[in-house]
Amino acid sequence: MSGPTDQQRVILGPLTTTWTAPSACSTPVQDCLTCGEAWAAQTCYAITATSSVNYGPEDNVDCWPPRTSFASTPAPPFAGWGFYSPGLDCPYGMTPACSATGGGSSGWAVQFGLLESETAVGCCPPGYSCTNTYAQTCIQIATSTSFQVGTCESAGTSGPVTEVAIPETVSSLAISSYTLLAPLIQINWQSTDRPSSSSTSSSPTSSSTSSTNPIPTPSPSSGLSGGAKAGIGVGVTVVALAILGLVFFIYRKRRYAYVQGRQDSPTATQVHELGTTKRGPYAASELPTRANISELPTEGRPDEQVYELRG
């Protein structure tokens, strides 16, 4: 199980991107109405039987990922066709259903032997599991459900798709279970095939069933963060304080200039003129108003008449 001698290893090619199969590949096609079995990834071919022409399903090569030129196509059925290496992603609409590692054991009996450093993953449609009875494939046993199947009525395409509900009775035959089969796409990879930042899990990235190229997108922003809001608040406060400081500085400067100008200007003093008539030997002169006027001395000069100055 762990060596390459279990069955000849056939590498179909690399599978490093998410590949999408044609939409018709997902519809199972049944051989007959009472067969109780249907295969996905089928096309219809003509069968000549006696004097009539019948049509039956066979594997559709277009339902497998692209192969390299040296990978030959076997005759139908394509059971045990090969695997993809390096294989990093399951095809679109398929998920990892089983896995195995070289030198180890697993519940999946890998059809092709693994190298010691290899990991193998079986990709199946959702709801299918891996099996390896006569060849590895994907399988689902339907016992109480409904699904759609097609029937070959002409070459190349299947006929009208009909709804099957299990359990059912067809031509007096009771069908209590229905087997659905689909190709198992095996992908193999080694640690050197994956970037060092990738997960080393045995299961590769599975493809979403709602997008052909699922790419994560960032959630829309819900607004500024708390830190950004706090920073804006602090900035607004600082600017407001700076403006107030500037206004106060201009006011103080103008106030100081005004006061200084008042101190530098001479104080206006009201003066009164003395009369022009001489009174004694003193000539009239201007004196500040409200000045204290002292009487002239009278001693020593009796011949002189002294007058008090009028304020």
C-alpha atoms as a PDB file:
ATOM      1  CA  MET A   1       0.000   0.000   0.000  1.00  0.00           C
ATOM      2  CA  SER A   2       2.888   2.360   0.630  1.00  0.00           C
ATOM      3  CA  GLY A   3       5.085   1.443  -2.317  1.00  0.00           C
ATOM      4  CA  PRO A   4       4.837   2.307  -6.017  1.00  0.00           C
ATOM      5  CA  THR A   5       4.504  -1.395  -6.973  1.00  0.00           C
ATOM      6  CA  ASP A   6       0.831  -1.695  -5.904  1.00  0.00           C
ATOM      7  CA  GLN A   7      -0.208  -0.588  -9.401  1.00  0.00           C
ATOM      8  CA  GLN A   8       1.660   1.164 -12.130  1.00  0.00           C
ATOM      9  CA  ARG A   9       1.812   4.848 -11.307  1.00  0.00           C
ATOM     10  CA  VAL A  10       0.293   6.960 -14.066  1.00  0.00           C
ATOM     11  CA  ILE A  11       0.717  10.715 -13.625  1.00  0.00           C
ATOM     12  CA  LEU A  12      -1.950  12.493 -15.658  1.00  0.00           C
ATOM     13  CA  GLY A  13      -0.327  15.879 -15.142  1.00  0.00           C
ATOM     14  CA  PRO A  14      -0.174  18.717 -12.592  1.00  0.00           C
ATOM     15  CA  LEU A  15      -3.237  20.288 -10.970  1.00  0.00           C
ATOM     16  CA  THR A  16      -2.122  23.443  -9.182  1.00  0.00           C
ATOM     17  CA  THR A  17      -5.145  25.683  -9.809  1.00  0.00           C
ATOM     18  CA  THR A  18      -8.874  25.224  -9.212  1.00  0.00           C
ATOM     19  CA  TRP A  19     -10.307  23.556 -12.294  1.00  0.00           C
ATOM     20  CA  THR A  20     -14.020  23.659 -13.183  1.00  0.00           C
ATOM     21  CA  ALA A  21     -15.753  20.797 -15.003  1.00  0.00           C
ATOM     22  CA  PRO A  22     -18.622  21.366 -17.482  1.00  0.00           C
ATOM     23  CA  SER A  23     -22.005  21.616 -15.742  1.00  0.00           C
ATOM     24  CA  ALA A  24     -23.335  18.432 -17.399  1.00  0.00           C
ATOM     25  CA  CYS A  25     -20.666  16.383 -15.598  1.00  0.00           C
ATOM     26  CA  SER A  26     -22.507  16.618 -12.282  1.00  0.00           C
ATOM     27  CA  THR A  27     -25.726  14.914 -13.456  1.00  0.00           C
ATOM     28  CA  PRO A  28     -25.689  11.089 -12.993  1.00  0.00           C
ATOM     29  CA  VAL A  29     -26.803   9.067 -15.988  1.00  0.00           C
ATOM     30  CA  GLN A  30     -28.471   5.680 -15.475  1.00  0.00           C
ATOM     31  CA  ASP A  31     -28.140   2.609 -17.682  1.00  0.00           C
ATOM     32  CA  CYS A  32     -31.783   1.635 -17.339  1.00  0.00           C
ATOM     33  CA  LEU A  33     -34.888   2.565 -15.366  1.00  0.00           C
ATOM     34  CA  THR A  34     -34.671  -0.468 -13.099  1.00  0.00           C
ATOM     35  CA  CYS A  35     -30.893  -0.645 -12.667  1.00  0.00           C
ATOM     36  CA  GLY A  36     -30.757   1.299  -9.411  1.00  0.00           C
ATOM     37  CA  GLU A  37     -27.402   2.793 -10.356  1.00  0.00           C
ATOM     38  CA  ALA A  38     -26.199   5.955 -12.091  1.00  0.00           C
ATOM     39  CA  TRP A  39     -22.790   7.438 -12.947  1.00  0.00           C
ATOM     40  CA  ALA A  40     -21.787  11.069 -13.108  1.00  0.00           C
ATOM     41  CA  ALA A  41     -19.341  12.457 -15.711  1.00  0.00           C
ATOM     42  CA  GLN A  42     -20.935  10.516 -18.568  1.00  0.00           C
ATOM     43  CA  THR A  43     -21.655  10.924 -22.233  1.00  0.00           C
ATOM     44  CA  CYS A  44     -23.945   8.749 -24.393  1.00  0.00           C
ATOM     45  CA  TYR A  45     -22.871   6.424 -27.158  1.00  0.00           C
ATOM     46  CA  ALA A  46     -24.749   4.235 -29.602  1.00  0.00           C
ATOM     47  CA  ILE A  47     -25.019   0.477 -29.075  1.00  0.00           C
ATOM     48  CA  THR A  48     -26.113  -1.681 -31.980  1.00  0.00           C
ATOM     49  CA  ALA A  49     -28.099  -4.658 -30.733  1.00  0.00           C
ATOM     50  CA  THR A  50     -29.713  -6.991 -33.287  1.00  0.00           C
ATOM     51  CA  SER A  51     -31.939  -4.826 -35.482  1.00  0.00           C
ATOM     52  CA  SER A  52     -32.324  -1.814 -33.188  1.00  0.00           C
ATOM     53  CA  VAL A  53     -30.004   0.930 -31.966  1.00  0.00           C
ATOM     54  CA  ASN A  54     -29.689   1.473 -28.230  1.00  0.00           C
ATOM     55  CA  TYR A  55     -27.770   4.130 -26.356  1.00  0.00           C
ATOM     56  CA  GLY A  56     -25.740   3.793 -23.219  1.00  0.00           C
ATOM     57  CA  PRO A  57     -23.488   5.971 -21.025  1.00  0.00           C
ATOM     58  CA  GLU A  58     -19.712   5.963 -20.916  1.00  0.00           C
ATOM     59  CA  ASP A  59     -17.043   8.095 -19.236  1.00  0.00           C
ATOM     60  CA  ASN A  60     -16.689  11.613 -20.623  1.00  0.00           C
ATOM     61  CA  VAL A  61     -13.044  12.631 -20.960  1.00  0.00           C
ATOM     62  CA  ASP A  62     -13.999  16.305 -20.614  1.00  0.00           C
ATOM     63  CA  CYS A  63     -15.124  15.674 -17.022  1.00  0.00           C
ATOM     64  CA  TRP A  64     -11.513  15.073 -15.901  1.00  0.00           C
ATOM     65  CA  PRO A  65      -9.014  17.901 -15.460  1.00  0.00           C
ATOM     66  CA  PRO A  66      -6.650  18.466 -18.433  1.00  0.00           C
ATOM     67  CA  ARG A  67      -3.900  15.926 -18.924  1.00  0.00           C
ATOM     68  CA  THR A  68      -0.411  16.246 -20.299  1.00  0.00           C
ATOM     69  CA  SER A  69       0.319  15.042 -23.814  1.00  0.00           C
ATOM     70  CA  PHE A  70       2.005  11.817 -22.710  1.00  0.00           C
ATOM     71  CA  ALA A  71      -0.974  10.633 -20.583  1.00  0.00           C
ATOM     72  CA  SER A  72      -2.952   8.224 -22.770  1.00  0.00           C
ATOM     73  CA  THR A  73      -6.723   7.784 -22.497  1.00  0.00           C
ATOM     74  CA  PRO A  74      -7.795   4.219 -21.668  1.00  0.00           C
ATOM     75  CA  ALA A  75     -10.874   2.553 -23.052  1.00  0.00           C
ATOM     76  CA  PRO A  76     -14.065   3.119 -21.001  1.00  0.00           C
ATOM     77  CA  PRO A  77     -14.554   2.802 -18.166  1.00  0.00           C
ATOM     78  CA  PHE A  78     -11.756   5.093 -17.026  1.00  0.00           C
ATOM     79  CA  ALA A  79     -11.383   3.253 -13.724  1.00  0.00           C
ATOM     80  CA  GLY A  80      -7.795   3.470 -12.526  1.00  0.00           C
ATOM     81  CA  TRP A  81      -6.852   6.146 -15.072  1.00  0.00           C
ATOM     82  CA  GLY A  82      -4.167   7.761 -12.880  1.00  0.00           C
ATOM     83  CA  PHE A  83      -3.556  10.732 -10.575  1.00  0.00           C
ATOM     84  CA  TYR A  84      -2.428  14.354 -10.751  1.00  0.00           C
ATOM     85  CA  SER A  85       0.940  15.403  -9.337  1.00  0.00           C
ATOM     86  CA  PRO A  86       1.735  17.860  -8.036  1.00  0.00           C
ATOM     87  CA  GLY A  87      -1.914  18.332  -7.127  1.00  0.00           C
ATOM     88  CA  LEU A  88      -2.706  21.201  -4.771  1.00  0.00           C
ATOM     89  CA  ASP A  89      -6.448  21.874  -5.181  1.00  0.00           C
ATOM     90  CA  CYS A  90      -9.521  19.730  -5.712  1.00  0.00           C
ATOM     91  CA  PRO A  91     -11.644  20.619  -8.760  1.00  0.00           C
ATOM     92  CA  TYR A  92     -14.437  23.118  -8.240  1.00  0.00           C
ATOM     93  CA  GLY A  93     -17.470  21.564  -6.521  1.00  0.00           C
ATOM     94  CA  MET A  94     -15.441  18.675  -5.071  1.00  0.00           C
ATOM     95  CA  THR A  95     -14.057  18.265  -1.566  1.00  0.00           C
ATOM     96  CA  PRO A  96     -11.312  16.117   0.032  1.00  0.00           C
ATOM     97  CA  ALA A  97     -13.110  12.848   0.901  1.00  0.00           C
ATOM     98  CA  CYS A  98     -10.109  10.691   1.871  1.00  0.00           C
ATOM     99  CA  SER A  99      -6.361  10.909   2.217  1.00  0.00           C
ATOM    100  CA  ALA A 100      -3.301   8.734   2.732  1.00  0.00           C
ATOM    101  CA  THR A 101       0.408   9.281   3.314  1.00  0.00           C
ATOM    102  CA  GLY A 102       3.401   7.300   2.100  1.00  0.00           C
ATOM    103  CA  GLY A 103       4.590   4.787   4.675  1.00  0.00           C
ATOM    104  CA  GLY A 104       1.423   5.213   6.747  1.00  0.00           C
ATOM    105  CA  SER A 105      -1.996   3.650   6.916  1.00  0.00           C
ATOM    106  CA  SER A 106      -5.466   5.031   6.320  1.00  0.00           C
ATOM    107  CA  GLY A 107      -9.001   3.886   5.739  1.00  0.00           C
ATOM    108  CA  TRP A 108      -8.615   4.547   2.033  1.00  0.00           C
ATOM    109  CA  ALA A 109      -7.062   1.775  -0.030  1.00  0.00           C
ATOM    110  CA  VAL A 110      -5.096   3.892  -2.490  1.00  0.00           C
ATOM    111  CA  GLN A 111      -5.099   2.327  -5.937  1.00  0.00           C
ATOM    112  CA  PHE A 112      -1.685   3.748  -6.816  1.00  0.00           C
ATOM    113  CA  GLY A 113       1.266   3.215  -4.476  1.00  0.00           C
ATOM    114  CA  LEU A 114       2.726   6.244  -2.712  1.00  0.00           C
ATOM    115  CA  LEU A 115       6.298   7.350  -2.302  1.00  0.00           C
ATOM    116  CA  GLU A 116       7.498   7.772   1.288  1.00  0.00           C
ATOM    117  CA  SER A 117       7.302  11.576   1.053  1.00  0.00           C
ATOM    118  CA  GLU A 118       3.942  11.724  -0.759  1.00  0.00           C
ATOM    119  CA  THR A 119       0.470  12.599   0.419  1.00  0.00           C
ATOM    120  CA  ALA A 120      -2.563  11.532  -1.635  1.00  0.00           C
ATOM    121  CA  VAL A 121      -6.037  13.082  -1.469  1.00  0.00           C
ATOM    122  CA  GLY A 122      -9.217  11.721  -3.064  1.00  0.00           C
ATOM    123  CA  CYS A 123     -11.545  14.486  -4.319  1.00  0.00           C
ATOM    124  CA  CYS A 124     -15.275  13.664  -4.486  1.00  0.00           C
ATOM    125  CA  PRO A 125     -18.566  15.551  -4.824  1.00  0.00           C
ATOM    126  CA  PRO A 126     -20.140  16.611  -1.489  1.00  0.00           C
ATOM    127  CA  GLY A 127     -21.895  13.704   0.240  1.00  0.00           C
ATOM    128  CA  TYR A 128     -19.756  11.068  -1.512  1.00  0.00           C
ATOM    129  CA  SER A 129     -17.105   8.865   0.092  1.00  0.00           C
ATOM    130  CA  CYS A 130     -14.093   7.016  -1.308  1.00  0.00           C
ATOM    131  CA  THR A 131     -14.237   3.344  -2.253  1.00  0.00           C
ATOM    132  CA  ASN A 132     -11.917   0.907  -3.990  1.00  0.00           C
ATOM    133  CA  THR A 133     -13.725  -2.289  -4.901  1.00  0.00           C
ATOM    134  CA  TYR A 134     -12.602  -2.949  -8.451  1.00  0.00           C
ATOM    135  CA  ALA A 135     -11.202   0.572  -8.890  1.00  0.00           C
ATOM    136  CA  GLN A 136     -11.095   3.654  -6.719  1.00  0.00           C
ATOM    137  CA  THR A 137     -14.122   5.852  -7.166  1.00  0.00           C
ATOM    138  CA  CYS A 138     -16.564   8.076  -5.274  1.00  0.00           C
ATOM    139  CA  ILE A 139     -19.781   6.505  -4.045  1.00  0.00           C
ATOM    140  CA  GLN A 140     -23.035   7.501  -2.352  1.00  0.00           C
ATOM    141  CA  ILE A 141     -25.830   5.121  -1.349  1.00  0.00           C
ATOM    142  CA  ALA A 142     -29.200   6.857  -1.418  1.00  0.00           C
ATOM    143  CA  THR A 143     -31.895   5.235   0.727  1.00  0.00           C
ATOM    144  CA  SER A 144     -34.355   7.984   1.556  1.00  0.00           C
ATOM    145  CA  THR A 145     -33.945  11.023  -0.650  1.00  0.00           C
ATOM    146  CA  SER A 146     -34.674  12.423  -4.089  1.00  0.00           C
ATOM    147  CA  PHE A 147     -32.265  13.396  -6.845  1.00  0.00           C
ATOM    148  CA  GLN A 148     -32.120  13.938 -10.594  1.00  0.00           C
ATOM    149  CA  VAL A 149     -30.795  11.461 -13.170  1.00  0.00           C
ATOM    150  CA  GLY A 150     -30.554  11.389 -16.936  1.00  0.00           C
ATOM    151  CA  THR A 151     -31.069   8.607 -19.459  1.00  0.00           C
ATOM    152  CA  CYS A 152     -29.278   8.178 -22.769  1.00  0.00           C
ATOM    153  CA  GLU A 153     -31.695   8.540 -25.679  1.00  0.00           C
ATOM    154  CA  SER A 154     -29.281   9.768 -28.341  1.00  0.00           C
ATOM    155  CA  ALA A 155     -25.581   9.820 -28.983  1.00  0.00           C
ATOM    156  CA  GLY A 156     -23.459  12.475 -27.281  1.00  0.00           C
ATOM    157  CA  THR A 157     -26.000  13.831 -24.818  1.00  0.00           C
ATOM    158  CA  SER A 158     -28.317  12.445 -22.196  1.00  0.00           C
ATOM    159  CA  GLY A 159     -32.044  12.676 -22.499  1.00  0.00           C
ATOM    160  CA  PRO A 160     -34.484  14.543 -20.240  1.00  0.00           C
ATOM    161  CA  VAL A 161     -33.508  14.688 -16.590  1.00  0.00           C
ATOM    162  CA  THR A 162     -36.041  12.968 -14.351  1.00  0.00           C
ATOM    163  CA  GLU A 163     -36.630  13.094 -10.609  1.00  0.00           C
ATOM    164  CA  VAL A 164     -36.010   9.902  -8.673  1.00  0.00           C
ATOM    165  CA  ALA A 165     -37.360   9.468  -5.148  1.00  0.00           C
ATOM    166  CA  ILE A 166     -36.058   6.604  -3.041  1.00  0.00           C
ATOM    167  CA  PRO A 167     -37.664   4.252  -2.154  1.00  0.00           C
ATOM    168  CA  GLU A 168     -39.590   3.817  -5.385  1.00  0.00           C
ATOM    169  CA  THR A 169     -41.304   1.131  -7.452  1.00  0.00           C
ATOM    170  CA  VAL A 170     -40.524   0.819 -11.160  1.00  0.00           C
ATOM    171  CA  SER A 171     -42.284  -1.803 -13.318  1.00  0.00           C
ATOM    172  CA  SER A 172     -43.446  -3.649 -10.168  1.00  0.00           C
ATOM    173  CA  LEU A 173     -39.843  -3.667  -8.947  1.00  0.00           C
ATOM    174  CA  ALA A 174     -39.279  -2.088  -5.545  1.00  0.00           C
ATOM    175  CA  ILE A 175     -36.049  -0.091  -5.293  1.00  0.00           C
ATOM    176  CA  SER A 176     -35.092   0.667  -1.690  1.00  0.00           C
ATOM    177  CA  SER A 177     -31.611   2.053  -2.367  1.00  0.00           C
ATOM    178  CA  TYR A 178     -29.854   3.708  -5.246  1.00  0.00           C
ATOM    179  CA  THR A 179     -26.110   3.791  -5.923  1.00  0.00           C
ATOM    180  CA  LEU A 180     -24.625   7.029  -7.221  1.00  0.00           C
ATOM    181  CA  LEU A 181     -21.058   6.965  -8.522  1.00  0.00           C
ATOM    182  CA  ALA A 182     -18.655   9.712  -9.619  1.00  0.00           C
ATOM    183  CA  PRO A 183     -15.007   9.793 -10.710  1.00  0.00           C
ATOM    184  CA  LEU A 184     -12.489  10.099  -7.887  1.00  0.00           C
ATOM    185  CA  ILE A 185      -9.909  12.724  -8.795  1.00  0.00           C
ATOM    186  CA  GLN A 186      -6.697  11.777  -6.966  1.00  0.00           C
ATOM    187  CA  ILE A 187      -4.128  14.486  -6.326  1.00  0.00           C
ATOM    188  CA  ASN A 188      -0.667  13.800  -4.886  1.00  0.00           C
ATOM    189  CA  TRP A 189       1.791  16.285  -3.411  1.00  0.00           C
ATOM    190  CA  GLN A 190       5.011  16.443  -1.450  1.00  0.00           C
ATOM    191  CA  SER A 191       6.141  19.064   1.046  1.00  0.00           C
ATOM    192  CA  THR A 192       8.447  20.595  -1.578  1.00  0.00           C
ATOM    193  CA  ASP A 193       5.436  21.186  -3.856  1.00  0.00           C
ATOM    194  CA  ARG A 194       3.759  23.572  -1.420  1.00  0.00           C
ATOM    195  CA  PRO A 195       4.981  26.998  -0.250  1.00  0.00           C
ATOM    196  CA  SER A 196       6.496  27.043   3.214  1.00  0.00           C
ATOM    197  CA  SER A 197       3.680  29.325   4.433  1.00  0.00           C
ATOM    198  CA  SER A 198       1.003  26.834   3.347  1.00  0.00           C
ATOM    199  CA  SER A 199      -0.575  24.376   5.695  1.00  0.00           C
ATOM    200  CA  THR A 200       1.033  20.955   5.806  1.00  0.00           C
ATOM    201  CA  SER A 201      -2.304  19.268   6.413  1.00  0.00           C
ATOM    202  CA  SER A 202      -3.071  16.167   4.353  1.00  0.00           C
ATOM    203  CA  SER A 203      -6.208  17.882   3.035  1.00  0.00           C
ATOM    204  CA  PRO A 204      -5.723  20.557   0.369  1.00  0.00           C
ATOM    205  CA  THR A 205      -7.933  23.570  -0.016  1.00  0.00           C
ATOM    206  CA  SER A 206     -11.393  22.452  -1.049  1.00  0.00           C
ATOM    207  CA  SER A 207     -13.307  24.441  -3.636  1.00  0.00           C
ATOM    208  CA  SER A 208     -16.395  26.390  -2.700  1.00  0.00           C
ATOM    209  CA  THR A 209     -19.624  25.361  -4.400  1.00  0.00           C
ATOM    210  CA  SER A 210     -20.805  28.965  -4.728  1.00  0.00           C
ATOM    211  CA  SER A 211     -17.950  30.502  -6.701  1.00  0.00           C
ATOM    212  CA  THR A 212     -15.678  29.337  -9.498  1.00  0.00           C
ATOM    213  CA  ASN A 213     -12.761  31.252  -8.034  1.00  0.00           C
ATOM    214  CA  PRO A 214     -13.355  31.818  -4.319  1.00  0.00           C
ATOM    215  CA  ILE A 215     -11.160  34.672  -3.089  1.00  0.00           C
ATOM    216  CA  PRO A 216     -11.530  35.997   0.450  1.00  0.00           C
ATOM    217  CA  THR A 217     -12.466  39.686   0.632  1.00  0.00           C
ATOM    218  CA  PRO A 218     -12.024  42.048   3.444  1.00  0.00           C
ATOM    219  CA  SER A 219     -14.969  42.956   5.574  1.00  0.00           C
ATOM    220  CA  PRO A 220     -16.212  46.446   4.982  1.00  0.00           C
ATOM    221  CA  SER A 221     -14.905  48.907   7.438  1.00  0.00           C
ATOM    222  CA  SER A 222     -17.297  49.791  10.248  1.00  0.00           C
ATOM    223  CA  GLY A 223     -15.771  53.268  10.738  1.00  0.00           C
ATOM    224  CA  LEU A 224     -12.796  54.763  12.496  1.00  0.00           C
ATOM    225  CA  SER A 225     -11.217  52.711  15.228  1.00  0.00           C
ATOM    226  CA  GLY A 226     -11.265  53.827  18.835  1.00  0.00           C
ATOM    227  CA  GLY A 227      -7.582  54.781  18.669  1.00  0.00           C
ATOM    228  CA  ALA A 228      -8.142  56.910  15.574  1.00  0.00           C
ATOM    229  CA  LYS A 229     -11.095  58.701  17.201  1.00  0.00           C
ATOM    230  CA  ALA A 230      -9.071  59.363  20.364  1.00  0.00           C
ATOM    231  CA  GLY A 231      -6.191  60.726  18.281  1.00  0.00           C
ATOM    232  CA  ILE A 232      -8.510  63.088  16.413  1.00  0.00           C
ATOM    233  CA  GLY A 233     -10.008  64.298  19.725  1.00  0.00           C
ATOM    234  CA  VAL A 234      -6.572  65.046  21.189  1.00  0.00           C
ATOM    235  CA  GLY A 235      -5.527  66.844  18.007  1.00  0.00           C
ATOM    236  CA  VAL A 236      -8.631  69.049  18.016  1.00  0.00           C
ATOM    237  CA  THR A 237      -8.057  69.931  21.697  1.00  0.00           C
ATOM    238  CA  VAL A 238      -4.427  70.889  21.092  1.00  0.00           C
ATOM    239  CA  VAL A 239      -5.365  73.108  18.121  1.00  0.00           C
ATOM    240  CA  ALA A 240      -8.114  74.825  20.128  1.00  0.00           C
ATOM    241  CA  LEU A 241      -5.721  75.539  23.037  1.00  0.00           C
ATOM    242  CA  ALA A 242      -3.132  76.897  20.614  1.00  0.00           C
ATOM    243  CA  ILE A 243      -5.682  79.286  19.076  1.00  0.00           C
ATOM    244  CA  LEU A 244      -6.796  80.501  22.532  1.00  0.00           C
ATOM    245  CA  GLY A 245      -3.167  81.030  23.559  1.00  0.00           C
ATOM    246  CA  LEU A 246      -2.490  83.051  20.405  1.00  0.00           C
ATOM    247  CA  VAL A 247      -5.547  85.259  20.980  1.00  0.00           C
ATOM    248  CA  PHE A 248      -4.534  85.880  24.609  1.00  0.00           C
ATOM    249  CA  PHE A 249      -0.951  86.725  23.559  1.00  0.00           C
ATOM    250  CA  ILE A 250      -2.152  89.276  20.970  1.00  0.00           C
ATOM    251  CA  TYR A 251      -4.497  90.823  23.537  1.00  0.00           C
ATOM    252  CA  ARG A 252      -1.746  91.167  26.161  1.00  0.00           C
ATOM    253  CA  LYS A 253       0.661  92.626  23.632  1.00  0.00           C
ATOM    254  CA  ARG A 254      -1.816  95.256  22.479  1.00  0.00           C
ATOM    255  CA  ARG A 255      -2.756  96.073  26.052  1.00  0.00           C
ATOM    256  CA  TYR A 256       0.873  96.528  27.008  1.00  0.00           C
ATOM    257  CA  ALA A 257       1.489  98.835  24.008  1.00  0.00           C
ATOM    258  CA  TYR A 258      -1.497 100.947  24.934  1.00  0.00           C
ATOM    259  CA  VAL A 259      -0.437 101.369  28.543  1.00  0.00           C
ATOM    260  CA  GLN A 260       3.163 102.118  27.578  1.00  0.00           C
ATOM    261  CA  GLY A 261       2.003 104.796  25.128  1.00  0.00           C
ATOM    262  CA  ARG A 262      -0.014 106.504  27.857  1.00  0.00           C
ATOM    263  CA  GLN A 263       2.967 106.539  30.175  1.00  0.00           C
ATOM    264  CA  ASP A 264       5.287 108.059  27.561  1.00  0.00           C
ATOM    265  CA  SER A 265       2.907 110.953  26.692  1.00  0.00           C
ATOM    266  CA  PRO A 266       3.248 114.221  28.790  1.00  0.00           C
ATOM    267  CA  THR A 267       0.407 114.840  31.177  1.00  0.00           C
ATOM    268  CA  ALA A 268      -1.709 117.746  30.120  1.00  0.00           C
ATOM    269  CA  THR A 269      -1.628 120.436  32.837  1.00  0.00           C
ATOM    270  CA  GLN A 270      -4.093 123.252  32.978  1.00  0.00           C
ATOM    271  CA  VAL A 271      -2.408 126.631  33.362  1.00  0.00           C
ATOM    272  CA  HIS A 272      -3.658 130.155  33.985  1.00  0.00           C
ATOM    273  CA  GLU A 273      -2.100 133.316  32.719  1.00  0.00           C
ATOM    274  CA  LEU A 274      -1.218 136.010  35.132  1.00  0.00           C
ATOM    275  CA  GLY A 275      -2.351 139.485  34.448  1.00  0.00           C
ATOM    276  CA  THR A 276      -0.195 141.593  32.116  1.00  0.00           C
ATOM    277  CA  THR A 277       0.036 144.541  34.511  1.00  0.00           C
ATOM    278  CA  LYS A 278       3.225 144.657  36.530  1.00  0.00           C
ATOM    279  CA  ARG A 279       2.771 144.469  40.191  1.00  0.00           C
ATOM    280  CA  GLY A 280       6.004 145.372  41.781  1.00  0.00           C
ATOM    281  CA  PRO A 281       9.269 144.234  40.365  1.00  0.00           C
ATOM    282  CA  TYR A 282       7.905 140.845  39.260  1.00  0.00           C
ATOM    283  CA  ALA A 283       6.851 140.255  35.740  1.00  0.00           C
ATOM    284  CA  ALA A 284       3.755 138.217  34.934  1.00  0.00           C
ATOM    285  CA  SER A 285       4.448 134.592  34.172  1.00  0.00           C
ATOM    286  CA  GLU A 286       2.530 131.350  33.680  1.00  0.00           C
ATOM    287  CA  LEU A 287       2.308 129.091  36.631  1.00  0.00           C
ATOM    288  CA  PRO A 288       0.656 125.641  36.923  1.00  0.00           C
ATOM    289  CA  THR A 289      -2.859 125.775  38.226  1.00  0.00           C
ATOM    290  CA  ARG A 290      -3.524 124.797  41.800  1.00  0.00           C
ATOM    291  CA  ALA A 291       0.110 125.482  42.700  1.00  0.00           C
ATOM    292  CA  ASN A 292       0.714 126.550  46.247  1.00  0.00           C
ATOM    293  CA  ILE A 293       1.695 130.238  46.123  1.00  0.00           C
ATOM    294  CA  SER A 294       3.792 131.509  49.002  1.00  0.00           C
ATOM    295  CA  GLU A 295       3.685 135.083  50.076  1.00  0.00           C
ATOM    296  CA  LEU A 296       6.779 137.105  49.332  1.00  0.00           C
ATOM    297  CA  PRO A 297       8.740 138.133  52.320  1.00  0.00           C
ATOM    298  CA  THR A 298       8.136 141.751  53.508  1.00  0.00           C
ATOM    299  CA  GLU A 299      10.991 142.100  55.844  1.00  0.00           C
ATOM    300  CA  GLY A 300      14.017 144.141  54.809  1.00  0.00           C
ATOM    301  CA  ARG A 301      12.290 145.990  52.013  1.00  0.00           C
ATOM    302  CA  PRO A 302       9.736 148.345  53.497  1.00  0.00           C
ATOM    303  CA  ASP A 303       9.636 150.527  50.488  1.00  0.00           C
ATOM    304  CA  GLU A 304       8.244 147.828  48.296  1.00  0.00           C
ATOM    305  CA  GLN A 305       4.592 146.948  48.135  1.00  0.00           C
ATOM    306  CA  VAL A 306       3.949 143.254  47.836  1.00  0.00           C
ATOM    307  CA  TYR A 307       0.873 141.684  46.230  1.00  0.00           C
ATOM    308  CA  GLU A 308      -0.323 138.214  46.538  1.00  0.00           C
ATOM    309  CA  LEU A 309      -0.476 136.417  43.303  1.00  0.00           C
ATOM    310  CA  ARG A 310      -3.895 135.369  42.210  1.00  0.00           C
ATOM    311  CA  GLY A 311      -4.453 131.790  41.662  1.00  0.00           C
END
